[in-house]
Amino acid sequence: MSFKKKDNQHYYNPMRRAILNHQMIEAGDKVAVGMSGGKDSTSLFYLLDQIRRQGRLGFDFELVPICLDMGFEGCDISPLKEFVEKLGYQLEIVPTNIAKVVFDIRQERSPCSLCAKLRRGILYNRAKELGCQKVALGHHLDDAIETYFMNFLFHGRLNSFEPKSYLTKTGVTLIRPLIYIEEKQIIRFVTREELPVVFNPCPVDKQTKREEMKHLVTTLSQDYRDIREKFIMGMEQGTEQDFWTKSLDESLLS
């Protein structure tokens, strides 16, 4: 696995910019990376590892890959385990019964909210137990825009999730280093670098409100081609009072 030099700045520069602009990572930080096996979190981990190795932030930090075993049948995370081991890490696998609780016991009609809350709680607590000060998630620019529209259309709020937020209950800080990178860039990157993507067996995958927002943003971008650039401008100019939300419904991130 290696970057193609002619393309690497498209990933290094926006990640470094996001990390430094929002002070996401500091010298000596131990950063847990939540890894679902999807394209976003896998790309996040690989890029953070390369940035760390090449000293692009001007200081060193530590990475701890964490994967939650959701309890779905037919989910093989061995490619993810092999991937992080090739990079010199040990994948921390946390067994859970989230799938059973959400779909069998609770039989949720709208399972995404409960599932997300359970996942986040377990991930944050395990990160804290491992001595991590930060937890990095793979939310990218399109996720932020989609969340903005979901907040507006379903809750009447004009805001999105924060690039960085301190979680008082667990004492860890949540960061999103991919916040300036478009989803289509991540798709190209995963294909080019042949990164592993684990099949998601969730029965409601691709059937959420987020999928509707994804289509909305795609349609808008056809007429307003700079919508993503304008959103980044809004992020950089916004404040906690007029752009970010402190109490985001977890279902919006599903």
Foldseek 3Di string as FASTA:
>chain_A
DDDDVVPVCLPLVLLLCLCVLVVQDDAAAEEEQEDALALQSLVVVVNVLVCQVVCVNVHHYHYAYEYEDQPDPPWDCVLVQVVVVVSPYGYHYHYDPNVCVQCPVVNDPLRLLVSLVVVVVVVLQVCVVVVGQEYEYRDAQLLQQLLQVCCCPPPVARAGAAQWDADVVRNHIYHYSRHLPDPVVSVVVCVVVVRGHIDDPPPCPCPAVSVVSSVVVVVVCVVVVCVSVVVVVCNSPDDCVRYHDDDDRSSSND
